[in-house]
Protein backbone atom coordinates (compact mmCIF):
# COMPACT_ATOMS: atom_id res chain seq x y z
CA UNK A 1 -0.39 -5.81 -30.56
CA UNK A 2 3.31 -6.86 -30.39
CA UNK A 3 4.76 -6.39 -33.66
CA UNK A 4 5.43 -10.60 -33.10
CA UNK A 5 3.52 -13.17 -33.39
CA UNK A 6 2.25 -14.90 -29.84
CA UNK A 7 4.37 -18.17 -31.18
CA UNK A 8 7.17 -16.23 -32.28
CA UNK A 9 7.88 -14.93 -29.23
CA UNK A 10 7.61 -18.34 -27.23
CA UNK A 11 9.58 -19.64 -29.85
CA UNK A 12 12.43 -17.49 -29.17
CA UNK A 13 11.42 -18.10 -25.32
CA UNK A 14 12.43 -21.78 -25.32
CA UNK A 15 15.49 -21.17 -27.05
CA UNK A 16 16.67 -18.08 -25.17
CA UNK A 17 15.04 -17.61 -21.72
CA UNK A 18 16.11 -19.42 -18.66
CA UNK A 19 13.35 -18.71 -15.98
CA UNK A 20 13.82 -18.67 -11.93
CA UNK A 21 12.85 -20.90 -10.25
CA UNK A 22 11.92 -23.38 -13.31
CA UNK A 23 11.98 -26.86 -14.34
CA UNK A 24 13.33 -25.64 -18.09
CA UNK A 25 12.04 -29.28 -19.37
CA UNK A 26 8.51 -28.89 -18.50
CA UNK A 27 8.63 -25.16 -19.86
CA UNK A 28 9.41 -26.07 -22.98
CA UNK A 29 6.75 -29.08 -23.29
CA UNK A 30 3.76 -26.56 -23.01
CA UNK A 31 2.65 -22.60 -24.11
CA UNK A 32 3.30 -20.50 -22.29
CA UNK A 33 1.82 -16.61 -21.48
CA UNK A 34 3.17 -14.18 -22.77
CA UNK A 35 2.53 -11.15 -20.97
CA UNK A 36 2.32 -7.92 -23.23
CA UNK A 37 0.42 -5.18 -21.27
CA UNK A 38 -0.64 -5.01 -17.23
CA UNK A 39 -3.93 -2.84 -16.09
CA UNK A 40 -4.66 -2.53 -13.11
CA UNK A 41 -4.73 -6.00 -11.30
CA UNK A 42 -4.71 -7.67 -14.31
CA UNK A 43 -2.00 -8.77 -16.90
CA UNK A 44 -2.58 -9.31 -20.50
CA UNK A 45 -1.21 -11.57 -22.62
CA UNK A 46 -0.36 -11.36 -26.55
CA UNK A 47 -3.53 -13.14 -27.40
CA UNK A 48 -5.55 -10.44 -25.35
CA UNK A 49 -6.29 -13.19 -22.75
CA UNK A 50 -6.46 -10.86 -19.29
CA UNK A 51 -5.09 -12.63 -15.89
CA UNK A 52 -5.73 -11.58 -12.69
CA UNK A 53 -2.38 -11.41 -11.11
CA UNK A 54 -2.64 -13.43 -7.55
CA UNK A 55 0.74 -13.01 -6.47
CA UNK A 56 1.25 -9.41 -7.54
CA UNK A 57 4.08 -9.44 -9.82
CA UNK A 58 6.34 -12.07 -7.44
CA UNK A 59 4.93 -9.82 -4.35
CA UNK A 60 5.65 -6.71 -5.74
CA UNK A 61 2.72 -4.88 -7.20
CA UNK A 62 0.92 -2.27 -4.73
CA UNK A 63 -0.99 -0.26 -6.38
CA UNK A 64 -1.46 -1.82 -9.79
CA UNK A 65 -0.41 -2.33 -13.25
CA UNK A 66 0.76 1.24 -15.32
CA UNK A 67 -1.14 3.12 -12.62
CA UNK A 68 -1.12 6.57 -14.42
CA UNK A 69 0.20 8.59 -11.19
CA UNK A 70 3.48 6.09 -10.97
CA UNK A 71 3.93 6.38 -14.85
CA UNK A 72 3.82 9.88 -14.57
CA UNK A 73 6.83 10.32 -11.89
CA UNK A 74 8.83 8.10 -13.98
CA UNK A 75 8.33 9.83 -16.88
CA UNK A 76 9.34 12.90 -15.56
CA UNK A 77 12.76 11.68 -13.14
CA UNK A 78 14.12 10.31 -16.59
CA UNK A 79 14.21 13.52 -18.32
CA UNK A 80 15.74 14.97 -15.59
CA UNK A 81 18.07 12.18 -15.02
CA UNK A 82 18.42 8.66 -15.64
CA UNK A 83 21.43 7.49 -13.27
CA UNK A 84 24.13 9.10 -11.16
CA UNK A 85 26.38 7.56 -9.01
CA UNK A 86 26.41 7.72 -4.70
CA UNK A 87 30.18 6.99 -5.43
CA UNK A 88 31.45 10.22 -4.38
CA UNK A 89 28.05 12.14 -5.15
CA UNK A 90 24.55 12.56 -3.28
CA UNK A 91 21.59 12.44 -5.65
CA UNK A 92 18.59 14.35 -5.31
CA UNK A 93 15.75 11.03 -4.71
CA UNK A 94 17.87 9.31 -2.76
CA UNK A 95 17.95 11.52 -0.69
CA UNK A 96 14.23 12.86 -0.08
CA UNK A 97 13.20 8.83 -0.31
CA UNK A 98 16.28 8.20 2.55
CA UNK A 99 14.41 10.82 4.58
CA UNK A 100 10.76 9.67 4.08
CA UNK A 101 12.57 5.88 4.60
CA UNK A 102 13.05 6.96 8.24
CA UNK A 103 10.06 9.05 8.78
CA UNK A 104 8.13 6.04 8.58
CA UNK A 105 10.17 2.95 9.32
CA UNK A 106 10.67 1.76 13.24
CA UNK A 107 11.79 5.35 15.41
CA UNK A 108 15.78 4.93 15.72
CA UNK A 109 16.25 3.27 11.84
CA UNK A 110 17.84 6.27 10.11
CA UNK A 111 20.43 5.36 7.95
CA UNK A 112 20.02 3.68 4.77
CA UNK A 113 22.09 1.64 2.48
CA UNK A 114 20.37 1.22 -1.12
CA UNK A 115 20.61 -2.03 -3.38
CA UNK A 116 19.21 -3.26 -5.62
CA UNK A 117 16.75 -6.71 -4.36
CA UNK A 118 15.56 -8.49 -1.49
CA UNK A 119 19.14 -10.45 -1.65
CA UNK A 120 21.38 -7.83 -1.76
CA UNK A 121 19.89 -5.59 0.71
CA UNK A 122 20.27 -8.94 2.76
CA UNK A 123 23.78 -9.14 2.13
CA UNK A 124 23.95 -5.50 2.86
CA UNK A 125 22.77 -6.24 6.29
CA UNK A 126 24.91 -9.23 7.12
CA UNK A 127 27.85 -7.61 6.28
CA UNK A 128 27.02 -4.70 7.99
CA UNK A 129 26.04 -7.01 11.34
CA UNK A 130 29.22 -8.10 11.46
CA UNK A 131 31.70 -5.77 10.35
CA UNK A 132 30.28 -3.96 13.35
CA UNK A 133 31.25 -6.46 15.33
CA UNK A 134 34.78 -6.43 14.17
CA UNK A 135 34.70 -2.53 14.86
CA UNK A 136 33.75 -3.81 18.47
CA UNK A 137 36.78 -5.74 18.60
CA UNK A 138 34.80 -8.80 18.61
CA UNK A 139 35.89 -10.65 14.77
CA UNK A 140 35.10 -14.19 16.33
CA UNK A 141 31.42 -13.20 16.44
CA UNK A 142 30.74 -14.25 12.86
CA UNK A 143 27.75 -16.55 13.13
CA UNK A 144 24.51 -15.92 12.49
CA UNK A 145 20.88 -17.68 14.30
CA UNK A 146 18.40 -17.64 11.46
CA UNK A 147 15.14 -19.49 11.10
CA UNK A 148 14.18 -23.33 10.04
CA UNK A 149 12.17 -22.43 6.67
CA UNK A 150 13.73 -19.59 6.04
CA UNK A 151 14.43 -18.04 3.21
CA UNK A 152 16.12 -14.08 2.84
CA UNK A 153 17.44 -14.48 -1.33
CA UNK A 154 19.44 -16.77 -3.64
CA UNK A 155 22.53 -15.09 -3.19
CA UNK A 156 25.09 -16.80 -1.36
CA UNK A 157 25.04 -14.96 2.22
CA UNK A 158 21.00 -14.44 1.48
CA UNK A 159 21.58 -18.34 0.70
CA UNK A 160 23.66 -18.90 4.41
CA UNK A 161 21.11 -17.79 6.63
CA UNK A 162 17.87 -19.64 5.06
CA UNK A 163 17.02 -22.76 5.71
CA UNK A 164 14.74 -24.03 2.99
CA UNK A 165 16.53 -27.10 1.84
CA UNK A 166 15.25 -27.68 -1.80
CA UNK A 167 16.68 -24.02 -2.40
CA UNK A 168 19.31 -24.19 -0.64
CA UNK A 169 20.78 -27.44 0.17
CA UNK A 170 23.03 -28.04 -2.90
CA UNK A 171 25.07 -24.30 -2.47
CA UNK A 172 26.20 -25.41 1.33
CA UNK A 173 29.85 -26.50 0.74
CA UNK A 174 29.79 -22.60 -1.09
CA UNK A 175 27.83 -21.70 2.30
CA UNK A 176 28.94 -20.41 5.20
CA UNK A 177 27.85 -21.75 8.71
CA UNK A 178 24.70 -20.56 10.13
CA UNK A 179 22.90 -21.52 13.45
CA UNK A 180 19.28 -22.50 12.79
CA UNK A 181 16.61 -22.57 15.25
CA UNK A 182 13.29 -24.38 14.86
CA UNK A 183 10.92 -21.56 13.61
CA UNK A 184 6.97 -21.75 14.77
CA UNK A 185 5.55 -23.75 11.87
CA UNK A 186 2.67 -24.71 14.42
CA UNK A 187 0.94 -26.65 11.77
CA UNK A 188 4.08 -29.25 11.36
CA UNK A 189 5.28 -28.18 14.76
CA UNK A 190 9.15 -30.18 14.98
CA UNK A 191 8.77 -30.28 18.39
CA UNK A 192 6.15 -31.99 18.73
CA UNK A 193 3.52 -29.31 19.94
CA UNK A 194 0.10 -30.25 18.63
CA UNK A 195 -2.12 -27.33 20.40
CA UNK A 196 -0.20 -23.89 19.45
CA UNK A 197 -2.47 -22.43 22.21
CA UNK A 198 -1.11 -24.27 24.88
CA UNK A 199 2.79 -24.81 24.44
CA UNK A 200 4.00 -22.01 25.16
CA UNK A 201 6.13 -21.17 22.09
CA UNK A 202 8.71 -24.40 22.80
CA UNK A 203 10.32 -23.10 19.58
CA UNK A 204 11.55 -19.58 22.00
CA UNK A 205 13.03 -21.88 24.49
CA UNK A 206 15.02 -23.84 22.17
CA UNK A 207 15.84 -20.10 20.50
CA UNK A 208 16.81 -19.25 23.77
CA UNK A 209 18.98 -22.47 24.75
CA UNK A 210 20.58 -21.26 21.31
CA UNK A 211 21.83 -18.25 22.57
CA UNK A 212 22.91 -19.53 25.85
CA UNK A 213 25.50 -21.46 24.15
CA UNK A 214 26.76 -19.76 20.64
CA UNK A 215 25.75 -15.77 21.50
CA UNK A 216 29.72 -14.90 21.63
CA UNK A 217 30.20 -16.34 18.64
CA UNK A 218 27.24 -14.37 17.04
CA UNK A 219 27.00 -11.60 15.34
CA UNK A 220 22.89 -10.92 14.77
CA UNK A 221 19.59 -12.93 14.57
CA UNK A 222 17.92 -13.10 11.11
CA UNK A 223 13.83 -13.17 10.87
CA UNK A 224 11.19 -12.76 8.74
CA UNK A 225 8.67 -10.68 11.00
CA UNK A 226 5.56 -12.61 11.69
CA UNK A 227 5.86 -14.30 8.73
CA UNK A 228 7.85 -16.53 6.30
CA UNK A 229 6.85 -16.43 2.81
CA UNK A 230 8.73 -18.28 0.47
CA UNK A 231 8.55 -20.71 3.70
CA UNK A 232 4.58 -21.63 3.03
CA UNK A 233 3.10 -18.54 3.80
CA UNK A 234 4.19 -19.78 7.64
CA UNK A 235 2.43 -17.27 10.38
CA UNK A 236 4.16 -16.69 13.62
CA UNK A 237 1.52 -16.61 16.55
CA UNK A 238 1.35 -13.43 18.25
CA UNK A 239 3.91 -12.02 20.68
CA UNK A 240 6.54 -14.09 18.62
CA UNK A 241 8.27 -11.52 17.29
CA UNK A 242 8.27 -9.40 20.50
CA UNK A 243 9.82 -12.28 22.24
CA UNK A 244 12.31 -12.66 19.77
CA UNK A 245 13.68 -8.95 20.42
CA UNK A 246 14.00 -9.46 24.21
CA UNK A 247 16.21 -12.53 23.98
CA UNK A 248 18.21 -10.21 21.44
CA UNK A 249 18.65 -7.82 23.68
CA UNK A 250 19.26 -10.65 26.65
CA UNK A 251 21.93 -11.50 24.86
CA UNK A 252 23.48 -8.89 23.08
CA UNK A 253 22.84 -9.55 19.26
CA UNK A 254 21.97 -7.52 16.36
CA UNK A 255 18.53 -8.30 15.02
CA UNK A 256 18.13 -7.89 11.34
CA UNK A 257 14.58 -7.97 10.03
CA UNK A 258 13.77 -8.66 6.24
CA UNK A 259 10.67 -6.85 5.45
CA UNK A 260 11.47 -7.84 2.37
CA UNK A 261 7.99 -9.33 1.56
CA UNK A 262 6.05 -7.94 4.51
CA UNK A 263 7.09 -4.49 3.63
CA UNK A 264 5.03 -1.20 2.16
CA UNK A 265 1.29 -2.39 3.94
CA UNK A 266 1.19 -6.37 2.78
CA UNK A 267 0.35 -7.25 6.74
CA UNK A 268 -1.95 -4.21 7.46
CA UNK A 269 0.69 -1.94 8.78
CA UNK A 270 3.27 -0.06 6.61
CA UNK A 271 5.90 -2.58 8.17
CA UNK A 272 5.45 -6.15 10.15
CA UNK A 273 7.49 -5.18 12.95
CA UNK A 274 4.93 -2.29 13.76
CA UNK A 275 2.52 -4.66 14.93
CA UNK A 276 4.65 -5.78 18.20
CA UNK A 277 6.29 -2.08 18.42
CA UNK A 278 9.65 -3.97 17.29
CA UNK A 279 12.64 -1.74 16.38
CA UNK A 280 15.21 -3.72 14.89
CA UNK A 281 18.97 -3.10 15.16
CA UNK A 282 18.61 -3.53 10.79
CA UNK A 283 15.96 -3.29 8.61
CA UNK A 284 16.03 -4.92 4.97
CA UNK A 285 13.12 -3.56 2.11
CA UNK A 286 12.78 -4.34 -1.29
CA UNK A 287 9.86 -5.71 -3.70
CA UNK A 288 6.74 -2.85 -2.67
CA UNK A 289 9.61 -0.35 -1.94
CA UNK A 290 8.86 1.23 -5.38
CA UNK A 291 5.67 -0.33 -5.99
CA UNK A 292 6.61 -3.15 -8.27
CA UNK A 293 8.15 -1.01 -10.82
CA UNK A 294 11.81 -0.64 -10.95
CA UNK A 295 14.40 -2.86 -8.70
CA UNK A 296 15.63 -0.95 -5.37
CA UNK A 297 16.08 -2.44 -2.07
CA UNK A 298 17.56 -0.73 1.55
CA UNK A 299 19.24 -1.44 4.05
CA UNK A 300 18.10 0.89 6.93
CA UNK A 301 20.41 0.61 10.17
CA UNK A 302 19.98 2.67 13.23
CA UNK A 303 22.50 4.76 14.94
CA UNK A 304 23.79 2.75 16.79
CA UNK A 305 25.24 0.46 13.37
CA UNK A 306 26.04 3.35 12.26
CA UNK A 307 28.45 5.28 14.44
CA UNK A 308 30.20 1.84 14.32
CA UNK A 309 31.84 2.97 11.16
CA UNK A 310 32.75 6.20 11.47
CA UNK A 311 36.30 6.53 11.71
CA UNK A 312 39.37 8.39 10.34
CA UNK A 313 39.98 6.86 7.18
CA UNK A 314 43.42 5.32 7.22
CA UNK A 315 41.44 3.37 10.19
CA UNK A 316 39.29 1.25 7.41
CA UNK A 317 36.16 1.22 8.97
CA UNK A 318 34.84 2.03 5.95
CA UNK A 319 31.73 -0.56 4.95
CA UNK A 320 33.41 -1.23 1.59
CA UNK A 321 30.09 -2.38 -0.23
CA UNK A 322 28.56 -0.81 -3.37
CA UNK A 323 26.35 -1.19 -6.28
CA UNK A 324 26.20 0.34 -9.72
CA UNK A 325 22.88 1.84 -9.87
CA UNK A 326 22.50 2.44 -5.90
CA UNK A 327 20.20 4.73 -5.37
CA UNK A 328 18.87 4.59 -8.83
CA UNK A 329 16.84 7.83 -9.04
CA UNK A 330 14.57 6.52 -11.84
CA UNK A 331 13.43 3.87 -8.55
CA UNK A 332 13.59 6.40 -6.41
CA UNK A 333 11.03 8.74 -7.81
CA UNK A 334 8.81 6.42 -8.18
CA UNK A 335 8.55 4.84 -5.14
CA UNK A 336 8.13 8.31 -3.59
CA UNK A 337 5.05 8.88 -5.52
CA UNK A 338 3.98 5.09 -4.32
CA UNK A 339 4.36 6.31 -0.55
CA UNK A 340 2.61 9.76 -1.76
CA UNK A 341 -0.47 7.86 -2.97
CA UNK A 342 -0.37 5.65 0.43
CA UNK A 343 -1.02 8.90 2.45
CA UNK A 344 -3.42 10.12 -0.39
CA UNK A 345 -5.73 7.28 -0.93
CA UNK A 346 -5.32 6.39 2.72
CA UNK A 347 -3.85 2.58 1.82
CA UNK A 348 -3.90 1.09 4.45
CA UNK A 349 -7.36 2.03 6.27
CA UNK A 350 -9.01 0.63 2.72
CA UNK A 351 -7.38 -2.78 3.41
CA UNK A 352 -8.52 -3.45 6.10
CA UNK A 353 -11.86 -4.41 4.87
CA UNK A 354 -9.92 -6.47 2.46
CA UNK A 355 -8.02 -8.02 4.93
CA UNK A 356 -11.10 -8.92 6.69
CA UNK A 357 -13.37 -10.56 3.86
CA UNK A 358 -9.78 -12.12 2.83
CA UNK A 359 -10.35 -13.69 6.48
CA UNK A 360 -14.03 -14.57 6.26
CA UNK A 361 -13.76 -16.24 2.52
CA UNK A 362 -10.46 -18.43 4.36
CA UNK A 363 -12.52 -20.29 6.31
CA UNK A 364 -14.71 -21.90 3.44
CA UNK A 365 -11.23 -23.13 2.26
CA UNK A 366 -10.45 -25.01 5.74
CA UNK A 367 -13.98 -27.29 4.95
CA UNK A 368 -12.44 -28.84 1.98
CA UNK A 369 -11.14 -32.20 2.36
CA UNK A 370 -7.81 -31.20 0.90
CA UNK A 371 -7.15 -28.38 2.68
CA UNK A 372 -5.03 -29.04 5.79
CA UNK A 373 -3.85 -25.57 6.97
CA UNK A 374 -4.55 -22.16 6.19
CA UNK A 375 -2.67 -19.67 7.27
CA UNK A 376 -2.75 -15.61 6.79
CA UNK A 377 -1.50 -12.18 7.64
CA UNK A 378 -2.57 -9.44 6.26
CA UNK A 379 -3.42 -9.65 2.26
CA UNK A 380 -1.16 -12.58 2.26
CA UNK A 381 -2.19 -16.12 2.40
CA UNK A 382 -1.36 -19.64 2.07
CA UNK A 383 -3.91 -22.51 1.83
CA UNK A 384 -1.57 -26.02 2.23
CA UNK A 385 -3.03 -28.96 0.57
CA UNK A 386 -2.65 -31.91 2.53
CA UNK A 387 -3.21 -35.61 1.00
CA UNK A 388 -4.58 -36.63 3.95
CA UNK A 389 -6.41 -34.21 6.02
CA UNK A 390 -6.57 -37.06 9.34
CA UNK A 391 -3.18 -37.51 9.47
CA UNK A 392 -1.47 -34.58 7.61
CA UNK A 393 0.17 -36.62 5.25
CA UNK A 394 1.61 -33.91 2.87
CA UNK A 395 1.47 -34.70 -1.54
CA UNK A 396 4.20 -35.99 -2.83
CA UNK A 397 6.81 -33.44 -4.86
CA UNK A 398 6.02 -36.00 -7.88
CA UNK A 399 2.63 -34.57 -7.97
CA UNK A 400 3.11 -30.77 -8.25
CA UNK A 401 -0.04 -30.61 -6.76
CA UNK A 402 0.49 -26.81 -5.99
CA UNK A 403 1.23 -26.06 -9.77
CA UNK A 404 -1.61 -28.28 -10.89
CA UNK A 405 -4.23 -25.84 -8.80
CA UNK A 406 -2.67 -22.94 -10.37
CA UNK A 407 -2.11 -23.95 -13.90
CA UNK A 408 -6.43 -25.27 -13.28
CA UNK A 409 -6.99 -21.12 -12.27
CA UNK A 410 -5.26 -19.89 -15.56
CA UNK A 411 -8.84 -20.47 -17.19
CA UNK A 412 -10.46 -18.53 -15.21
CA UNK A 413 -8.04 -15.90 -15.55
CA UNK A 414 -6.43 -16.13 -12.26
CA UNK A 415 -2.18 -16.03 -12.69
CA UNK A 416 -0.67 -17.34 -9.45
CA UNK A 417 2.09 -19.82 -8.68
CA UNK A 418 2.58 -21.45 -5.52
CA UNK A 419 5.27 -22.52 -3.03
CA UNK A 420 5.54 -26.80 -2.93
CA UNK A 421 2.12 -27.75 -1.35
CA UNK A 422 0.97 -24.40 -0.84
CA UNK A 423 -1.29 -21.93 -2.67
CA UNK A 424 -0.50 -18.43 -2.30
CA UNK A 425 -3.18 -15.46 -2.23
CA UNK A 426 -0.84 -12.42 -2.61
CA UNK A 427 -2.65 -9.94 -4.91
CA UNK A 428 -2.08 -6.08 -5.26
CA UNK A 429 -3.09 -4.25 -2.59
CA UNK A 430 -5.57 -1.98 -4.11
CA UNK A 431 -7.48 -5.14 -5.36
CA UNK A 432 -11.37 -4.57 -5.34
CA UNK A 433 -13.65 -6.45 -3.76
CA UNK A 434 -15.03 -7.92 -6.72
CA UNK A 435 -11.85 -8.74 -7.74
CA UNK A 436 -10.49 -10.33 -5.14
CA UNK A 437 -13.88 -12.63 -4.87
CA UNK A 438 -13.47 -13.31 -8.22
CA UNK A 439 -9.50 -14.43 -7.03
CA UNK A 440 -10.91 -16.50 -4.27
CA UNK A 441 -13.90 -18.04 -6.37
CA UNK A 442 -11.44 -19.39 -9.34
CA UNK A 443 -9.03 -20.65 -6.05
CA UNK A 444 -11.88 -23.16 -4.51
CA UNK A 445 -12.87 -24.03 -7.87
CA UNK A 446 -9.21 -24.94 -8.55
CA UNK A 447 -8.58 -26.36 -5.81
CA UNK A 448 -11.28 -28.42 -5.85
CA UNK A 449 -11.37 -29.52 -9.46
CA UNK A 450 -7.53 -31.25 -9.06
CA UNK A 451 -7.96 -32.45 -6.00
CA UNK A 452 -11.25 -34.50 -6.81
CA UNK A 453 -13.50 -32.67 -4.15
């Protein structure tokens, strides 16, 4: 138990901690959970209450909390070296991890640039893509194509290629301009398509039109492969990602894949791009890379991109970008052990029955009167709640319907966080069959309780 009382910790928290994506006025009104320990898929608060981690601690946890093998890898590394810079030095653990990443990512992605988190990985990707164009004598190619409902992080470059107004619109005066293409949000198609099986993916036609008109000013295209996470777990139709790759090739645009949320098994393959045999020019990864233990990210580039930066010192082709804790040995050591556990436990194979069971259970959610749409990709899903199912009318923002469902779920021992009106299902990959049923039962009961059905 903590040496401080829960009441004391809550008081200090209200007074001193500014929480992310949180309206602090609401936060200060309530007695919040204070987490002290983790055990497997469970979080334990300072009063000993247990909560199943329904969002994998912000989509990062892979093998469960306090996994002994990962703990040991961290302890062994901290006794050897806690950190040394990659500016002017090489580092053992970062070298080994880079070699492993080159082995498991789509073929051709061989050059690893480390940073700290998903946002910084995307900042690196955007700057890298633009400087690549500069080195090829095309400085006018300074824009990026992105998708509405996209989320790529909260630093300004990542915000500029995002597409969620509630997160990004406030900062528009600080952002560079991006070209936004319609995303395949089939439930609420902005192009008016009602039948996603018959529309022929008109969003691809709209994307190609942008490319036809603007390719000469575009450095690259940024995409979350298969699923737009923060946009509401919006799943792309089969073939969409592959078609986007073909369009990028046709119009000579770099393709940047944001696998920050989708990488490391979440979609049922190690990386989402592998489902459609897509090889991006640049891939950003983070979140699950160190199994939720420590901040680390990587931007992985093709040899074609990497070679554009090679030159004599005086040519100033160097990629002038870096982070203090780039390639941190502690994080790299845990990441390497995590990849070892993927193989030892055959985790990708073990995931398949859980993915299938999640799909079966989500059919029951579809039948609830206020569930408008259910979207799933691997062991990630979103249940979109609507005020009127027939008209698809959304609940007003001020009703906080998703928040209320997640607060209700805490009564049943579940910690979850919504995306607006969408209830998110995103547990650690090692969740057991019984724990998955426990999670889904609790969320279904909570949706029924809050929506009155």
